[in-house]
Structures are given as C-alpha cells and as structure tokens.
Amino acid sequence: MVGTFYSKPSPTAKKYVEIGSKVKKGDILCIIEAMKLMNEIESEFDGEVVDICVSDGEVVDYGKTLFIIQ
C-alpha cells in the first residue's frame, strides 16, 4: 500500500523490530499510515530480521521491500 512507514507505534516508543530481532508469523513489524489510517504490517514468516530496507517516516509504494527476513 502507498503510505508512510513507521518503525514504532509512537515517537517515544521502542521500535517493533530491529536487525537481529527474531519474529514469528503474525508479529507486528511496523505501521504504514495511509489516508490517516494506521495499518499494522505483520510478518508473513518465522525468522530473523536481517535488513530493514526503509527509514522511519519514509514514503513507501506498492511492491517496496520493507524487511528481509531469513
């Protein structure tokens, strides 16, 4: 979806995940704000976050890789 990428639920909160974080399918990875709606993006896989491909506050578009999970 087109929107703004946020790595944490609020400016003072801890990031959902960082490089090296272990995640399970269904864990929240980030929020994408689209048209004033906050959409929680969940992991589709179990694994470890090896790269975060976007910066906090960056505008993302359809098909943009957000995370690499191994």
Protein backbone atom coordinates (compact mmCIF):
# COMPACT_ATOMS: atom_id res chain seq x y z
CA MET A 1 0.00 0.00 0.00
CA VAL A 2 1.10 3.58 -0.50
CA GLY A 3 1.80 5.40 2.74
CA THR A 4 4.33 6.44 5.35
CA PHE A 5 6.48 3.83 7.11
CA TYR A 6 6.76 3.97 10.91
CA SER A 7 9.03 1.61 12.82
CA LYS A 8 7.39 2.30 16.19
CA PRO A 9 3.88 2.96 17.49
CA SER A 10 4.72 6.48 18.78
CA PRO A 11 7.72 8.82 18.63
CA THR A 12 8.84 7.89 22.16
CA ALA A 13 8.13 4.14 21.93
CA LYS A 14 10.57 1.31 21.26
CA LYS A 15 10.83 0.03 17.64
CA TYR A 16 8.73 -3.02 16.80
CA VAL A 17 11.79 -4.83 15.38
CA GLU A 18 15.46 -4.17 14.74
CA ILE A 19 18.09 -6.01 12.72
CA GLY A 20 18.67 -9.30 14.52
CA SER A 21 15.16 -9.49 16.02
CA LYS A 22 13.55 -12.92 15.99
CA VAL A 23 9.99 -12.80 14.65
CA LYS A 24 7.14 -15.25 14.30
CA LYS A 25 4.40 -15.25 11.71
CA GLY A 26 1.85 -12.64 12.76
CA ASP A 27 4.24 -10.44 14.78
CA ILE A 28 3.87 -6.72 14.06
CA LEU A 29 6.85 -5.36 12.12
CA CYS A 30 5.80 -1.76 11.52
CA ILE A 31 2.95 0.61 10.76
CA ILE A 32 2.06 2.06 7.37
CA GLU A 33 -0.04 5.22 7.59
CA ALA A 34 -2.31 5.52 4.57
CA MET A 35 -5.03 8.16 4.35
CA LYS A 36 -4.83 8.80 8.11
CA LEU A 37 -5.35 5.10 8.89
CA MET A 38 -2.62 3.25 10.79
CA ASN A 39 -2.17 -0.22 9.28
CA GLU A 40 -0.13 -2.73 11.28
CA ILE A 41 2.07 -4.82 9.00
CA GLU A 42 2.58 -8.37 10.25
CA SER A 43 5.34 -10.83 9.48
CA GLU A 44 4.40 -13.49 6.96
CA PHE A 45 7.21 -15.78 8.14
CA ASP A 46 9.07 -17.05 11.19
CA GLY A 47 12.71 -15.98 11.17
CA GLU A 48 15.24 -13.27 11.90
CA VAL A 49 15.19 -9.70 10.57
CA VAL A 50 18.43 -9.32 8.58
CA ASP A 51 17.70 -5.95 6.96
CA ILE A 52 15.28 -3.04 7.27
CA CYS A 53 15.11 -1.54 3.79
CA VAL A 54 13.37 1.77 4.58
CA SER A 55 13.82 4.60 7.06
CA ASP A 56 11.33 5.80 9.65
CA GLY A 57 8.98 8.37 8.08
CA GLU A 58 9.81 7.32 4.51
CA VAL A 59 7.01 7.19 1.95
CA VAL A 60 6.62 3.68 0.54
CA ASP A 61 4.75 2.41 -2.50
CA TYR A 62 3.27 -0.86 -3.76
CA GLY A 63 5.85 -3.63 -4.01
CA LYS A 64 8.51 -1.83 -1.95
CA THR A 65 10.59 -4.25 0.11
CA LEU A 66 10.37 -3.21 3.76
CA PHE A 67 12.20 -6.03 5.54
CA ILE A 68 14.36 -9.01 4.69
CA ILE A 69 13.63 -11.94 6.99
CA GLN A 70 15.76 -15.04 6.85
